[in-house]
Structures are given as structure tokens and as C-alpha cells.
Amino acid sequence: MYSTTAQIAIAAGVAIVVVFFAIDSIGAVRLASLATSALFVQSIIACAVFLTWMRRVTR
């Protein structure tokens, strides 16, 4: 199950980079940084939730 969480984290990282470059391409570097920072925080929270859930399931 750890590998599933790692794969989700990797996919989230790729999505964050895509969002950054999509927003950056319209010339809004500050908005791109803010949006990707928010997405990064959300992905960290989601991974923490998944890992907590995995700990409960395996007991």
C-alpha cells in the first residue's frame, strides 16, 4: 500500500509542475507560484491522510 501512496504523490508532483507551467505561460509567475504552493500543501495533507488510513487498515 505504501507504493500506492508513493505513486499518488508522484502523480501529484507531475500535476503541480503542469499547473505551474500552464499558468506561467500566460505570464503570471506570482499566481503560478501561489497556485502550486497551495496544491503542494494539499498533496502533502492528502498523503498524510492516506498513510494514516493505511496504518489503521493494516492493524
N, C-alpha and C. Protein backbone atom coordinates (compact mmCIF):
# COMPACT_ATOMS: atom_id res chain seq x y z
N MET A 1 0.81 -1.20 0.00
CA MET A 1 0.00 0.00 0.00
C MET A 1 0.85 1.27 0.00
N TYR A 2 2.09 1.13 0.53
CA TYR A 2 2.97 2.30 0.51
C TYR A 2 3.26 2.73 -0.92
N SER A 3 3.43 1.75 -1.79
CA SER A 3 3.75 2.10 -3.18
C SER A 3 2.60 2.85 -3.84
N THR A 4 1.37 2.54 -3.45
CA THR A 4 0.21 3.26 -3.98
C THR A 4 0.26 4.72 -3.56
N THR A 5 0.57 4.96 -2.29
CA THR A 5 0.67 6.33 -1.80
C THR A 5 1.83 7.07 -2.49
N ALA A 6 2.93 6.37 -2.70
CA ALA A 6 4.07 6.98 -3.39
C ALA A 6 3.71 7.33 -4.83
N GLN A 7 2.97 6.45 -5.50
CA GLN A 7 2.56 6.73 -6.87
C GLN A 7 1.62 7.93 -6.93
N ILE A 8 0.73 8.04 -5.96
CA ILE A 8 -0.17 9.19 -5.89
C ILE A 8 0.63 10.47 -5.69
N ALA A 9 1.64 10.42 -4.82
CA ALA A 9 2.47 11.59 -4.57
C ALA A 9 3.25 12.00 -5.82
N ILE A 10 3.74 11.02 -6.56
CA ILE A 10 4.47 11.32 -7.79
C ILE A 10 3.54 11.95 -8.82
N ALA A 11 2.34 11.38 -8.96
CA ALA A 11 1.37 11.94 -9.90
C ALA A 11 0.98 13.36 -9.50
N ALA A 12 0.84 13.60 -8.21
CA ALA A 12 0.51 14.95 -7.75
C ALA A 12 1.65 15.91 -8.07
N GLY A 13 2.88 15.45 -7.92
CA GLY A 13 4.02 16.30 -8.25
C GLY A 13 4.05 16.67 -9.72
N VAL A 14 3.75 15.70 -10.57
CA VAL A 14 3.70 15.97 -12.01
C VAL A 14 2.59 16.96 -12.31
N ALA A 15 1.43 16.77 -11.69
CA ALA A 15 0.31 17.68 -11.92
C ALA A 15 0.64 19.10 -11.45
N ILE A 16 1.36 19.21 -10.35
CA ILE A 16 1.74 20.53 -9.85
C ILE A 16 2.65 21.24 -10.83
N VAL A 17 3.59 20.51 -11.39
CA VAL A 17 4.51 21.11 -12.38
C VAL A 17 3.74 21.54 -13.63
N VAL A 18 2.80 20.72 -14.06
CA VAL A 18 1.99 21.06 -15.24
C VAL A 18 1.19 22.34 -14.98
N VAL A 19 0.59 22.43 -13.80
CA VAL A 19 -0.18 23.63 -13.45
C VAL A 19 0.73 24.86 -13.42
N PHE A 20 1.92 24.70 -12.85
CA PHE A 20 2.85 25.84 -12.80
C PHE A 20 3.17 26.35 -14.19
N PHE A 21 3.55 25.44 -15.08
CA PHE A 21 3.94 25.89 -16.42
C PHE A 21 2.74 26.39 -17.23
N ALA A 22 1.55 25.86 -16.96
CA ALA A 22 0.37 26.35 -17.66
C ALA A 22 0.06 27.79 -17.26
N ILE A 23 0.13 28.07 -15.96
CA ILE A 23 -0.14 29.43 -15.50
C ILE A 23 1.02 30.36 -15.87
N ASP A 24 2.25 29.84 -15.79
CA ASP A 24 3.42 30.65 -16.13
C ASP A 24 3.43 31.04 -17.61
N SER A 25 2.85 30.21 -18.45
CA SER A 25 2.86 30.51 -19.89
C SER A 25 2.02 31.74 -20.23
N ILE A 26 1.07 32.10 -19.36
CA ILE A 26 0.30 33.31 -19.62
C ILE A 26 0.95 34.53 -18.97
N GLY A 27 2.10 34.33 -18.34
CA GLY A 27 2.87 35.45 -17.81
C GLY A 27 2.58 35.81 -16.37
N ALA A 28 1.92 34.95 -15.63
CA ALA A 28 1.59 35.24 -14.24
C ALA A 28 2.44 34.37 -13.31
N VAL A 29 3.69 34.74 -13.15
CA VAL A 29 4.62 33.94 -12.36
C VAL A 29 4.21 33.91 -10.88
N ARG A 30 3.80 35.05 -10.36
CA ARG A 30 3.40 35.11 -8.95
C ARG A 30 2.17 34.24 -8.70
N LEU A 31 1.19 34.29 -9.60
CA LEU A 31 0.00 33.45 -9.47
C LEU A 31 0.36 31.98 -9.61
N ALA A 32 1.28 31.66 -10.51
CA ALA A 32 1.71 30.27 -10.68
C ALA A 32 2.36 29.76 -9.41
N SER A 33 3.18 30.57 -8.79
CA SER A 33 3.84 30.16 -7.55
C SER A 33 2.84 29.96 -6.42
N LEU A 34 1.89 30.86 -6.32
CA LEU A 34 0.87 30.75 -5.28
C LEU A 34 0.00 29.51 -5.49
N ALA A 35 -0.44 29.29 -6.71
CA ALA A 35 -1.31 28.14 -7.00
C ALA A 35 -0.58 26.83 -6.76
N THR A 36 0.66 26.73 -7.19
CA THR A 36 1.39 25.47 -7.00
C THR A 36 1.75 25.26 -5.54
N SER A 37 1.97 26.33 -4.80
CA SER A 37 2.22 26.18 -3.36
C SER A 37 0.99 25.62 -2.66
N ALA A 38 -0.17 26.13 -3.02
CA ALA A 38 -1.42 25.63 -2.44
C ALA A 38 -1.64 24.16 -2.81
N LEU A 39 -1.38 23.81 -4.05
CA LEU A 39 -1.52 22.41 -4.47
C LEU A 39 -0.53 21.50 -3.75
N PHE A 40 0.68 22.00 -3.53
CA PHE A 40 1.68 21.22 -2.82
C PHE A 40 1.23 20.92 -1.40
N VAL A 41 0.72 21.93 -0.72
CA VAL A 41 0.23 21.74 0.66
C VAL A 41 -0.91 20.73 0.67
N GLN A 42 -1.82 20.84 -0.27
CA GLN A 42 -2.94 19.90 -0.33
C GLN A 42 -2.47 18.48 -0.61
N SER A 43 -1.46 18.32 -1.43
CA SER A 43 -0.96 16.97 -1.72
C SER A 43 -0.26 16.37 -0.50
N ILE A 44 0.45 17.18 0.27
CA ILE A 44 1.08 16.70 1.50
C ILE A 44 0.01 16.25 2.49
N ILE A 45 -1.04 17.03 2.63
CA ILE A 45 -2.13 16.66 3.54
C ILE A 45 -2.80 15.37 3.07
N ALA A 46 -3.05 15.25 1.78
CA ALA A 46 -3.68 14.04 1.25
C ALA A 46 -2.81 12.81 1.49
N CYS A 47 -1.51 12.93 1.28
CA CYS A 47 -0.62 11.79 1.52
C CYS A 47 -0.59 11.43 3.00
N ALA A 48 -0.60 12.41 3.88
CA ALA A 48 -0.63 12.14 5.32
C ALA A 48 -1.91 11.40 5.70
N VAL A 49 -3.02 11.81 5.10
CA VAL A 49 -4.30 11.14 5.37
C VAL A 49 -4.26 9.70 4.87
N PHE A 50 -3.73 9.49 3.65
CA PHE A 50 -3.64 8.13 3.11
C PHE A 50 -2.76 7.25 3.98
N LEU A 51 -1.62 7.76 4.43
CA LEU A 51 -0.72 6.97 5.26
C LEU A 51 -1.35 6.65 6.61
N THR A 52 -2.08 7.60 7.18
CA THR A 52 -2.80 7.35 8.44
C THR A 52 -3.86 6.27 8.24
N TRP A 53 -4.58 6.36 7.15
CA TRP A 53 -5.61 5.37 6.84
C TRP A 53 -4.97 3.99 6.65
N MET A 54 -3.83 3.95 5.98
CA MET A 54 -3.15 2.67 5.76
C MET A 54 -2.71 2.05 7.07
N ARG A 55 -2.27 2.87 8.02
CA ARG A 55 -1.86 2.34 9.31
C ARG A 55 -3.05 1.71 10.04
N ARG A 56 -4.20 2.32 9.95
CA ARG A 56 -5.40 1.78 10.60
C ARG A 56 -5.85 0.48 9.95
N VAL A 57 -5.76 0.41 8.64
CA VAL A 57 -6.23 -0.77 7.90
C VAL A 57 -5.35 -1.97 8.16
N THR A 58 -4.04 -1.77 8.29
CA THR A 58 -3.12 -2.89 8.45
C THR A 58 -3.07 -3.43 9.86
N ARG A 59 -3.65 -2.78 10.80
CA ARG A 59 -3.65 -3.29 12.19
C ARG A 59 -4.68 -4.32 12.40
